[in-house]
Amino acid sequence: MLPLPTLYMLVVGKGEGKKKLTAFDVALLDAGIGNMNLLRVSSVLPPGCTLASRLDIPAGSLLPVAYGSITSDVPGERIAAAIGVGVPEDPALSGMIMEFSAFTSADEASLRVEEMVREAFAFRGYPLKEVKVKAIEHVVDECGAVIAACPLFYERER
């Protein structure tokens, strides 16, 4: 079993490319996670996990991450992604991570993801301390992508 991550961040990025996959790669780079090997995880924030101000991870590392993303090759189309984290009042409880992406605005994506965080806490009966949300939108030029992500990582020994 892998150890529990102790840190998390909320990151967003957008990008343009000639193909959907290269646009997604540019969005990952813009979000600061483009040189990692992403391990997609579901929506649980480990107990006691704290918000970090920056990633301190070597390139090529395996990085657990919950994310929402969308790509489009329709010029003029608006795409958006949002990531939301619910932090419990009791640090011994797990938090929740929700992601959302659609052909919409960043404001709408933010609202939707916050609603999902609040609903997930209600299902569990956990008192909610706060909700943190980050969102991004992009109007496609040729082939565009957006990502909103919550990387989970570990404090590095110095």
C-alpha atoms as a PDB file:
ATOM      1  CA  MET A   1       0.000   0.000   0.000  1.00  0.00           C
ATOM      2  CA  LEU A   2       1.204   3.506  -0.793  1.00  0.00           C
ATOM      3  CA  PRO A   3       1.584   6.005   2.053  1.00  0.00           C
ATOM      4  CA  LEU A   4      -1.074   8.674   2.489  1.00  0.00           C
ATOM      5  CA  PRO A   5      -0.295  11.954   0.753  1.00  0.00           C
ATOM      6  CA  THR A   6       0.176  14.847   3.167  1.00  0.00           C
ATOM      7  CA  LEU A   7      -0.100  17.804   0.782  1.00  0.00           C
ATOM      8  CA  TYR A   8      -2.419  18.953  -1.979  1.00  0.00           C
ATOM      9  CA  MET A   9      -2.776  21.822  -4.413  1.00  0.00           C
ATOM     10  CA  LEU A  10      -5.439  23.142  -6.744  1.00  0.00           C
ATOM     11  CA  VAL A  11      -4.062  23.850 -10.209  1.00  0.00           C
ATOM     12  CA  VAL A  12      -5.599  24.853 -13.537  1.00  0.00           C
ATOM     13  CA  GLY A  13      -4.250  25.161 -17.045  1.00  0.00           C
ATOM     14  CA  LYS A  14      -5.263  25.746 -20.627  1.00  0.00           C
ATOM     15  CA  GLY A  15      -3.582  25.107 -23.928  1.00  0.00           C
ATOM     16  CA  GLU A  16      -3.785  25.116 -27.692  1.00  0.00           C
ATOM     17  CA  GLY A  17      -2.264  22.587 -30.075  1.00  0.00           C
ATOM     18  CA  LYS A  18      -2.655  21.025 -33.488  1.00  0.00           C
ATOM     19  CA  LYS A  19      -4.240  17.888 -31.987  1.00  0.00           C
ATOM     20  CA  LYS A  20      -6.361  17.239 -28.883  1.00  0.00           C
ATOM     21  CA  LEU A  21      -3.604  15.320 -27.110  1.00  0.00           C
ATOM     22  CA  THR A  22      -0.990  18.017 -27.685  1.00  0.00           C
ATOM     23  CA  ALA A  23      -3.464  20.698 -26.550  1.00  0.00           C
ATOM     24  CA  PHE A  24      -4.011  18.639 -23.379  1.00  0.00           C
ATOM     25  CA  ASP A  25      -0.229  18.387 -22.909  1.00  0.00           C
ATOM     26  CA  VAL A  26       0.082  22.193 -23.134  1.00  0.00           C
ATOM     27  CA  ALA A  27      -2.734  22.538 -20.559  1.00  0.00           C
ATOM     28  CA  LEU A  28      -0.860  20.158 -18.221  1.00  0.00           C
ATOM     29  CA  LEU A  29       2.308  22.229 -18.629  1.00  0.00           C
ATOM     30  CA  ASP A  30       0.342  25.414 -17.958  1.00  0.00           C
ATOM     31  CA  ALA A  31      -1.024  23.846 -14.754  1.00  0.00           C
ATOM     32  CA  GLY A  32       2.485  22.878 -13.633  1.00  0.00           C
ATOM     33  CA  ILE A  33       1.976  19.106 -13.822  1.00  0.00           C
ATOM     34  CA  GLY A  34       3.056  18.416 -17.406  1.00  0.00           C
ATOM     35  CA  ASN A  35       6.308  16.659 -16.565  1.00  0.00           C
ATOM     36  CA  MET A  36       4.808  14.168 -14.105  1.00  0.00           C
ATOM     37  CA  ASN A  37       3.332  10.712 -14.622  1.00  0.00           C
ATOM     38  CA  LEU A  38      -0.249  11.255 -13.497  1.00  0.00           C
ATOM     39  CA  LEU A  39      -2.056   8.538 -11.553  1.00  0.00           C
ATOM     40  CA  ARG A  40      -5.732   9.416 -11.740  1.00  0.00           C
ATOM     41  CA  VAL A  41      -7.478   8.963  -8.409  1.00  0.00           C
ATOM     42  CA  SER A  42     -11.049   9.355  -7.248  1.00  0.00           C
ATOM     43  CA  SER A  43     -12.362  11.962  -4.893  1.00  0.00           C
ATOM     44  CA  VAL A  44     -10.998  11.499  -1.362  1.00  0.00           C
ATOM     45  CA  LEU A  45      -8.677  14.008   0.279  1.00  0.00           C
ATOM     46  CA  PRO A  46      -6.650  12.126   2.910  1.00  0.00           C
ATOM     47  CA  PRO A  47      -7.230  13.140   6.552  1.00  0.00           C
ATOM     48  CA  GLY A  48      -4.907  15.898   7.719  1.00  0.00           C
ATOM     49  CA  CYS A  49      -3.777  16.766   4.181  1.00  0.00           C
ATOM     50  CA  THR A  50      -2.744  20.415   3.981  1.00  0.00           C
ATOM     51  CA  LEU A  51      -2.801  22.926   1.148  1.00  0.00           C
ATOM     52  CA  ALA A  52       0.644  23.589  -0.329  1.00  0.00           C
ATOM     53  CA  SER A  53       1.738  26.709  -2.152  1.00  0.00           C
ATOM     54  CA  ARG A  54       3.893  24.901  -4.703  1.00  0.00           C
ATOM     55  CA  LEU A  55       4.852  21.487  -6.028  1.00  0.00           C
ATOM     56  CA  ASP A  56       8.343  20.265  -5.179  1.00  0.00           C
ATOM     57  CA  ILE A  57       8.398  17.089  -7.220  1.00  0.00           C
ATOM     58  CA  PRO A  58      11.086  15.802  -9.601  1.00  0.00           C
ATOM     59  CA  ALA A  59      10.133  15.395 -13.269  1.00  0.00           C
ATOM     60  CA  GLY A  60       8.882  11.913 -14.078  1.00  0.00           C
ATOM     61  CA  SER A  61       7.489  11.284 -10.583  1.00  0.00           C
ATOM     62  CA  LEU A  62       4.295   9.309 -10.105  1.00  0.00           C
ATOM     63  CA  LEU A  63       1.720  11.885  -9.021  1.00  0.00           C
ATOM     64  CA  PRO A  64      -1.721  10.963  -7.678  1.00  0.00           C
ATOM     65  CA  VAL A  65      -4.193  13.514  -9.046  1.00  0.00           C
ATOM     66  CA  ALA A  66      -7.949  14.002  -9.275  1.00  0.00           C
ATOM     67  CA  TYR A  67      -8.843  16.086 -12.308  1.00  0.00           C
ATOM     68  CA  GLY A  68     -11.440  17.212 -14.759  1.00  0.00           C
ATOM     69  CA  SER A  69     -10.496  18.111 -18.303  1.00  0.00           C
ATOM     70  CA  ILE A  70     -12.050  18.720 -21.686  1.00  0.00           C
ATOM     71  CA  THR A  71     -10.721  19.248 -25.198  1.00  0.00           C
ATOM     72  CA  SER A  72     -12.327  20.646 -28.330  1.00  0.00           C
ATOM     73  CA  ASP A  73     -11.348  21.162 -31.941  1.00  0.00           C
ATOM     74  CA  VAL A  74     -14.271  23.482 -32.697  1.00  0.00           C
ATOM     75  CA  PRO A  75     -13.001  27.056 -33.128  1.00  0.00           C
ATOM     76  CA  GLY A  76     -14.922  29.531 -30.976  1.00  0.00           C
ATOM     77  CA  GLU A  77     -16.236  26.890 -28.565  1.00  0.00           C
ATOM     78  CA  ARG A  78     -15.986  27.763 -24.841  1.00  0.00           C
ATOM     79  CA  ILE A  79     -14.663  25.002 -22.587  1.00  0.00           C
ATOM     80  CA  ALA A  80     -14.199  25.057 -18.823  1.00  0.00           C
ATOM     81  CA  ALA A  81     -12.986  22.887 -15.963  1.00  0.00           C
ATOM     82  CA  ALA A  82     -13.195  23.291 -12.199  1.00  0.00           C
ATOM     83  CA  ILE A  83     -11.782  21.488  -9.186  1.00  0.00           C
ATOM     84  CA  GLY A  84     -13.236  21.748  -5.693  1.00  0.00           C
ATOM     85  CA  VAL A  85     -11.997  20.530  -2.336  1.00  0.00           C
ATOM     86  CA  GLY A  86     -14.095  20.255   0.779  1.00  0.00           C
ATOM     87  CA  VAL A  87     -12.122  20.505   4.006  1.00  0.00           C
ATOM     88  CA  PRO A  88     -13.775  18.911   7.062  1.00  0.00           C
ATOM     89  CA  GLU A  89     -14.008  20.636  10.423  1.00  0.00           C
ATOM     90  CA  ASP A  90     -12.432  17.554  12.023  1.00  0.00           C
ATOM     91  CA  PRO A  91      -8.909  17.011  10.592  1.00  0.00           C
ATOM     92  CA  ALA A  92      -9.186  13.297  11.425  1.00  0.00           C
ATOM     93  CA  LEU A  93     -11.890  12.944   8.737  1.00  0.00           C
ATOM     94  CA  SER A  94     -11.245  12.731   5.026  1.00  0.00           C
ATOM     95  CA  GLY A  95     -12.081  15.630   2.781  1.00  0.00           C
ATOM     96  CA  MET A  96     -13.663  15.416  -0.658  1.00  0.00           C
ATOM     97  CA  ILE A  97     -12.393  16.398  -4.090  1.00  0.00           C
ATOM     98  CA  MET A  98     -14.826  17.004  -6.950  1.00  0.00           C
ATOM     99  CA  GLU A  99     -14.084  17.854 -10.548  1.00  0.00           C
ATOM    100  CA  PHE A 100     -16.216  19.153 -13.395  1.00  0.00           C
ATOM    101  CA  SER A 101     -15.664  19.981 -17.059  1.00  0.00           C
ATOM    102  CA  ALA A 102     -18.077  21.031 -19.801  1.00  0.00           C
ATOM    103  CA  PHE A 103     -18.791  23.371 -22.677  1.00  0.00           C
ATOM    104  CA  THR A 104     -19.568  26.250 -20.321  1.00  0.00           C
ATOM    105  CA  SER A 105     -18.002  29.149 -18.414  1.00  0.00           C
ATOM    106  CA  ALA A 106     -15.568  28.995 -15.498  1.00  0.00           C
ATOM    107  CA  ASP A 107     -18.232  30.599 -13.272  1.00  0.00           C
ATOM    108  CA  GLU A 108     -20.764  27.868 -14.079  1.00  0.00           C
ATOM    109  CA  ALA A 109     -18.141  25.137 -13.613  1.00  0.00           C
ATOM    110  CA  SER A 110     -17.232  26.628 -10.203  1.00  0.00           C
ATOM    111  CA  LEU A 111     -20.852  26.594  -9.064  1.00  0.00           C
ATOM    112  CA  ARG A 112     -21.374  23.003 -10.178  1.00  0.00           C
ATOM    113  CA  VAL A 113     -18.245  21.686  -8.494  1.00  0.00           C
ATOM    114  CA  GLU A 114     -19.036  23.485  -5.220  1.00  0.00           C
ATOM    115  CA  GLU A 115     -22.524  21.965  -5.215  1.00  0.00           C
ATOM    116  CA  MET A 116     -20.991  18.497  -5.616  1.00  0.00           C
ATOM    117  CA  VAL A 117     -18.541  19.042  -2.742  1.00  0.00           C
ATOM    118  CA  ARG A 118     -21.361  20.142  -0.439  1.00  0.00           C
ATOM    119  CA  GLU A 119     -23.509  17.177  -1.483  1.00  0.00           C
ATOM    120  CA  ALA A 120     -20.654  14.701  -0.862  1.00  0.00           C
ATOM    121  CA  PHE A 121     -20.225  16.067   2.669  1.00  0.00           C
ATOM    122  CA  ALA A 122     -23.966  15.860   3.288  1.00  0.00           C
ATOM    123  CA  PHE A 123     -23.989  12.190   2.186  1.00  0.00           C
ATOM    124  CA  ARG A 124     -21.275  11.443   4.734  1.00  0.00           C
ATOM    125  CA  GLY A 125     -22.711  13.584   7.525  1.00  0.00           C
ATOM    126  CA  TYR A 126     -19.380  15.402   7.865  1.00  0.00           C
ATOM    127  CA  PRO A 127     -19.314  18.990   9.118  1.00  0.00           C
ATOM    128  CA  LEU A 128     -17.778  21.139   6.380  1.00  0.00           C
ATOM    129  CA  LYS A 129     -15.160  23.736   7.372  1.00  0.00           C
ATOM    130  CA  GLU A 130     -14.576  25.262   3.926  1.00  0.00           C
ATOM    131  CA  VAL A 131     -14.756  24.713   0.188  1.00  0.00           C
ATOM    132  CA  LYS A 132     -11.856  25.705  -2.047  1.00  0.00           C
ATOM    133  CA  VAL A 133     -12.539  25.994  -5.785  1.00  0.00           C
ATOM    134  CA  LYS A 134     -10.376  26.815  -8.768  1.00  0.00           C
ATOM    135  CA  ALA A 135     -11.671  27.031 -12.345  1.00  0.00           C
ATOM    136  CA  ILE A 136     -10.528  27.943 -15.824  1.00  0.00           C
ATOM    137  CA  GLU A 137     -12.156  28.549 -19.188  1.00  0.00           C
ATOM    138  CA  HIS A 138     -10.847  28.855 -22.707  1.00  0.00           C
ATOM    139  CA  VAL A 139     -12.271  29.819 -26.077  1.00  0.00           C
ATOM    140  CA  VAL A 140     -10.873  27.423 -28.649  1.00  0.00           C
ATOM    141  CA  ASP A 141      -8.724  28.858 -31.426  1.00  0.00           C
ATOM    142  CA  GLU A 142      -7.782  25.667 -33.316  1.00  0.00           C
ATOM    143  CA  CYS A 143      -7.688  22.799 -30.834  1.00  0.00           C
ATOM    144  CA  GLY A 144      -7.932  23.641 -27.142  1.00  0.00           C
ATOM    145  CA  ALA A 145      -7.900  21.963 -23.771  1.00  0.00           C
ATOM    146  CA  VAL A 146      -8.445  22.890 -20.133  1.00  0.00           C
ATOM    147  CA  ILE A 147      -7.657  21.014 -16.938  1.00  0.00           C
ATOM    148  CA  ALA A 148      -8.503  21.621 -13.282  1.00  0.00           C
ATOM    149  CA  ALA A 149      -6.655  19.294 -10.933  1.00  0.00           C
ATOM    150  CA  CYS A 150      -5.873  18.423  -7.347  1.00  0.00           C
ATOM    151  CA  PRO A 151      -2.429  16.811  -7.142  1.00  0.00           C
ATOM    152  CA  LEU A 152      -1.749  14.893  -3.929  1.00  0.00           C
ATOM    153  CA  PHE A 153       1.860  14.596  -2.835  1.00  0.00           C
ATOM    154  CA  TYR A 154       4.285  14.164   0.016  1.00  0.00           C
ATOM    155  CA  GLU A 155       6.623  16.424   1.938  1.00  0.00           C
ATOM    156  CA  ARG A 156      10.127  15.802   0.657  1.00  0.00           C
ATOM    157  CA  GLU A 157      12.973  15.132   3.018  1.00  0.00           C
ATOM    158  CA  ARG A 158      15.668  17.786   2.763  1.00  0.00           C
END
